[in-house]
Amino acid sequence: MPTINRYQDIDQVERETRKDYIDRHSPFIKCAGNAKSGEKFPVTVTMGNAYEHPDDNDHYIRSIQLYNGTTLIGEASFPPGTLGGQGAKSQAEVTFNLVPTTDSLSLTALSYCTKHGLWECDPVEVAVEA
């Protein structure tokens, strides 16, 4: 099983490069805290919050996956060069439009960097109203 890395708070004493490394490899979920059952609900996953990731042939974000609990509900793949190529920096981003049918969602995103492995975000809880 691959090593799974997680975003973590970084002490003010830590160097900016360490913060850059963790931030640009971590997926971040952006969505409302409430959804309506049976209605389209957009969930955006962005790679990095304050920092961009390179898009080289041998170092790029290959995929972003979205889970509800342990169930895979969305996945996007990015071939090298999709976000500019040749060292261009960008934030891979994908919006999944879900139609909730349960009382709640427990959303988690995973991203895969071809050089630094699999990264996971903290779960985001969403209440689903009838």
C-alpha atoms as a PDB file:
ATOM      1  CA  MET A   1       0.000   0.000   0.000  1.00  0.00           C
ATOM      2  CA  PRO A   2       1.361   3.459  -0.843  1.00  0.00           C
ATOM      3  CA  THR A   3       2.170   5.965   1.879  1.00  0.00           C
ATOM      4  CA  ILE A   4      -0.671   8.443   2.351  1.00  0.00           C
ATOM      5  CA  ASN A   5       0.355  11.978   3.265  1.00  0.00           C
ATOM      6  CA  ARG A   6      -1.899  14.546   4.938  1.00  0.00           C
ATOM      7  CA  TYR A   7      -1.955  18.312   5.124  1.00  0.00           C
ATOM      8  CA  GLN A   8      -0.876  19.513   8.547  1.00  0.00           C
ATOM      9  CA  ASP A   9      -0.542  22.806  10.330  1.00  0.00           C
ATOM     10  CA  ILE A  10       2.993  24.049  10.153  1.00  0.00           C
ATOM     11  CA  ASP A  11       4.768  25.845  12.960  1.00  0.00           C
ATOM     12  CA  GLN A  12       5.755  29.448  12.195  1.00  0.00           C
ATOM     13  CA  VAL A  13       9.374  28.363  12.651  1.00  0.00           C
ATOM     14  CA  GLU A  14       9.186  25.929   9.707  1.00  0.00           C
ATOM     15  CA  ARG A  15      10.756  27.096   6.457  1.00  0.00           C
ATOM     16  CA  GLU A  16       8.503  28.392   3.691  1.00  0.00           C
ATOM     17  CA  THR A  17       9.705  25.616   1.379  1.00  0.00           C
ATOM     18  CA  ARG A  18       8.277  22.939   3.687  1.00  0.00           C
ATOM     19  CA  LYS A  19       4.954  24.791   3.789  1.00  0.00           C
ATOM     20  CA  ASP A  20       5.038  25.079  -0.015  1.00  0.00           C
ATOM     21  CA  TYR A  21       5.708  21.328  -0.399  1.00  0.00           C
ATOM     22  CA  ILE A  22       2.821  20.248   1.830  1.00  0.00           C
ATOM     23  CA  ASP A  23       0.322  22.825   0.571  1.00  0.00           C
ATOM     24  CA  ARG A  24       0.806  22.244  -3.152  1.00  0.00           C
ATOM     25  CA  HIS A  25       0.401  18.471  -2.791  1.00  0.00           C
ATOM     26  CA  SER A  26      -2.716  18.564  -0.602  1.00  0.00           C
ATOM     27  CA  PRO A  27      -6.245  18.488  -2.003  1.00  0.00           C
ATOM     28  CA  PHE A  28      -8.739  21.011  -0.617  1.00  0.00           C
ATOM     29  CA  ILE A  29     -12.519  20.525  -0.799  1.00  0.00           C
ATOM     30  CA  LYS A  30     -14.665  23.603  -1.370  1.00  0.00           C
ATOM     31  CA  CYS A  31     -18.438  23.244  -1.063  1.00  0.00           C
ATOM     32  CA  ALA A  32     -21.439  24.471   0.897  1.00  0.00           C
ATOM     33  CA  GLY A  33     -22.126  22.926   4.303  1.00  0.00           C
ATOM     34  CA  ASN A  34     -25.681  21.943   3.332  1.00  0.00           C
ATOM     35  CA  ALA A  35     -27.176  20.206   0.319  1.00  0.00           C
ATOM     36  CA  LYS A  36     -30.706  19.287  -0.780  1.00  0.00           C
ATOM     37  CA  SER A  37     -31.556  15.656  -1.395  1.00  0.00           C
ATOM     38  CA  GLY A  38     -32.063  14.910  -5.084  1.00  0.00           C
ATOM     39  CA  GLU A  39     -30.627  18.261  -6.257  1.00  0.00           C
ATOM     40  CA  LYS A  40     -27.293  18.899  -7.948  1.00  0.00           C
ATOM     41  CA  PHE A  41     -24.600  19.826  -5.399  1.00  0.00           C
ATOM     42  CA  PRO A  42     -21.235  21.147  -6.678  1.00  0.00           C
ATOM     43  CA  VAL A  43     -18.066  20.033  -4.873  1.00  0.00           C
ATOM     44  CA  THR A  44     -14.771  21.536  -6.057  1.00  0.00           C
ATOM     45  CA  VAL A  45     -11.421  19.941  -5.242  1.00  0.00           C
ATOM     46  CA  THR A  46      -8.359  22.138  -5.717  1.00  0.00           C
ATOM     47  CA  MET A  47      -4.746  21.022  -5.490  1.00  0.00           C
ATOM     48  CA  GLY A  48      -3.006  23.378  -3.145  1.00  0.00           C
ATOM     49  CA  ASN A  49      -4.434  26.309  -1.281  1.00  0.00           C
ATOM     50  CA  ALA A  50      -1.773  29.017  -1.547  1.00  0.00           C
ATOM     51  CA  TYR A  51       0.821  27.302  -3.770  1.00  0.00           C
ATOM     52  CA  GLU A  52       0.765  25.870  -7.279  1.00  0.00           C
ATOM     53  CA  HIS A  53       2.132  22.495  -8.395  1.00  0.00           C
ATOM     54  CA  PRO A  54       4.494  21.998 -11.368  1.00  0.00           C
ATOM     55  CA  ASP A  55       3.293  20.232 -14.508  1.00  0.00           C
ATOM     56  CA  ASP A  56       6.384  18.446 -15.867  1.00  0.00           C
ATOM     57  CA  ASN A  57       6.483  15.180 -17.812  1.00  0.00           C
ATOM     58  CA  ASP A  58       7.841  13.339 -14.768  1.00  0.00           C
ATOM     59  CA  HIS A  59       6.290  15.419 -11.942  1.00  0.00           C
ATOM     60  CA  TYR A  60       2.611  16.330 -12.118  1.00  0.00           C
ATOM     61  CA  ILE A  61      -0.749  15.714 -10.464  1.00  0.00           C
ATOM     62  CA  ARG A  62      -2.026  12.564 -12.162  1.00  0.00           C
ATOM     63  CA  SER A  63      -5.441  12.291 -10.511  1.00  0.00           C
ATOM     64  CA  ILE A  64      -7.947  13.628  -8.009  1.00  0.00           C
ATOM     65  CA  GLN A  65     -10.508  11.327  -6.410  1.00  0.00           C
ATOM     66  CA  LEU A  66     -13.548  12.226  -4.311  1.00  0.00           C
ATOM     67  CA  TYR A  67     -15.006   9.815  -1.741  1.00  0.00           C
ATOM     68  CA  ASN A  68     -18.154   9.784   0.348  1.00  0.00           C
ATOM     69  CA  GLY A  69     -16.941   7.732   3.292  1.00  0.00           C
ATOM     70  CA  THR A  70     -15.276   4.734   1.647  1.00  0.00           C
ATOM     71  CA  THR A  71     -17.210   4.988  -1.631  1.00  0.00           C
ATOM     72  CA  LEU A  72     -15.481   6.505  -4.654  1.00  0.00           C
ATOM     73  CA  ILE A  73     -17.947   8.985  -6.176  1.00  0.00           C
ATOM     74  CA  GLY A  74     -15.769  10.898  -8.635  1.00  0.00           C
ATOM     75  CA  GLU A  75     -12.364  10.840 -10.271  1.00  0.00           C
ATOM     76  CA  ALA A  76     -10.465  13.073 -12.691  1.00  0.00           C
ATOM     77  CA  SER A  77      -7.196  12.199 -14.429  1.00  0.00           C
ATOM     78  CA  PHE A  78      -4.685  14.695 -15.794  1.00  0.00           C
ATOM     79  CA  PRO A  79      -2.101  13.593 -18.383  1.00  0.00           C
ATOM     80  CA  PRO A  80       1.206  15.506 -18.205  1.00  0.00           C
ATOM     81  CA  GLY A  81       0.946  18.866 -19.969  1.00  0.00           C
ATOM     82  CA  THR A  82      -2.754  19.339 -19.211  1.00  0.00           C
ATOM     83  CA  LEU A  83      -1.989  22.327 -16.979  1.00  0.00           C
ATOM     84  CA  GLY A  84       0.628  24.010 -19.150  1.00  0.00           C
ATOM     85  CA  GLY A  85       3.513  21.522 -19.287  1.00  0.00           C
ATOM     86  CA  GLN A  86       7.252  22.225 -19.330  1.00  0.00           C
ATOM     87  CA  GLY A  87       7.442  23.268 -15.693  1.00  0.00           C
ATOM     88  CA  ALA A  88       4.375  25.503 -15.744  1.00  0.00           C
ATOM     89  CA  LYS A  89       2.785  25.831 -12.334  1.00  0.00           C
ATOM     90  CA  SER A  90      -0.952  25.655 -11.816  1.00  0.00           C
ATOM     91  CA  GLN A  91      -3.564  24.382  -9.413  1.00  0.00           C
ATOM     92  CA  ALA A  92      -5.328  21.319 -10.737  1.00  0.00           C
ATOM     93  CA  GLU A  93      -9.008  21.766 -10.008  1.00  0.00           C
ATOM     94  CA  VAL A  94     -12.114  19.743 -10.708  1.00  0.00           C
ATOM     95  CA  THR A  95     -15.782  20.265  -9.832  1.00  0.00           C
ATOM     96  CA  PHE A  96     -17.924  17.206  -9.211  1.00  0.00           C
ATOM     97  CA  ASN A  97     -21.699  17.721  -9.375  1.00  0.00           C
ATOM     98  CA  LEU A  98     -23.256  15.251  -6.935  1.00  0.00           C
ATOM     99  CA  VAL A  99     -26.909  14.441  -6.375  1.00  0.00           C
ATOM    100  CA  PRO A 100     -27.124  13.452  -2.687  1.00  0.00           C
ATOM    101  CA  THR A 101     -29.634  10.764  -1.686  1.00  0.00           C
ATOM    102  CA  THR A 102     -28.560  10.206   1.936  1.00  0.00           C
ATOM    103  CA  ASP A 103     -28.932  12.273   5.150  1.00  0.00           C
ATOM    104  CA  SER A 104     -25.314  13.402   5.107  1.00  0.00           C
ATOM    105  CA  LEU A 105     -22.069  13.297   3.166  1.00  0.00           C
ATOM    106  CA  SER A 106     -18.592  12.702   4.551  1.00  0.00           C
ATOM    107  CA  LEU A 107     -16.387  13.910   1.713  1.00  0.00           C
ATOM    108  CA  THR A 108     -12.671  13.177   1.419  1.00  0.00           C
ATOM    109  CA  ALA A 109     -10.374  13.900  -1.512  1.00  0.00           C
ATOM    110  CA  LEU A 110      -7.233  12.045  -2.552  1.00  0.00           C
ATOM    111  CA  SER A 111      -4.681  13.317  -5.047  1.00  0.00           C
ATOM    112  CA  TYR A 112      -1.756  11.545  -6.640  1.00  0.00           C
ATOM    113  CA  CYS A 113       1.521  13.292  -7.479  1.00  0.00           C
ATOM    114  CA  THR A 114       3.749  11.215  -9.762  1.00  0.00           C
ATOM    115  CA  LYS A 115       6.819  12.160  -7.710  1.00  0.00           C
ATOM    116  CA  HIS A 116       5.505  12.491  -4.131  1.00  0.00           C
ATOM    117  CA  GLY A 117       2.691   9.935  -3.921  1.00  0.00           C
ATOM    118  CA  LEU A 118      -0.828   9.950  -2.550  1.00  0.00           C
ATOM    119  CA  TRP A 119      -2.220  12.852  -0.472  1.00  0.00           C
ATOM    120  CA  GLU A 120      -5.459  13.053   1.519  1.00  0.00           C
ATOM    121  CA  CYS A 121      -7.462  15.960   2.929  1.00  0.00           C
ATOM    122  CA  ASP A 122      -9.451  16.104   6.138  1.00  0.00           C
ATOM    123  CA  PRO A 123     -13.067  14.956   5.740  1.00  0.00           C
ATOM    124  CA  VAL A 124     -15.719  17.607   5.057  1.00  0.00           C
ATOM    125  CA  GLU A 125     -19.150  16.914   6.538  1.00  0.00           C
ATOM    126  CA  VAL A 126     -22.229  18.049   4.614  1.00  0.00           C
ATOM    127  CA  ALA A 127     -25.774  17.912   5.964  1.00  0.00           C
ATOM    128  CA  VAL A 128     -28.373  16.822   3.392  1.00  0.00           C
ATOM    129  CA  GLU A 129     -31.899  18.225   3.755  1.00  0.00           C
ATOM    130  CA  ALA A 130     -34.997  16.565   2.328  1.00  0.00           C
END
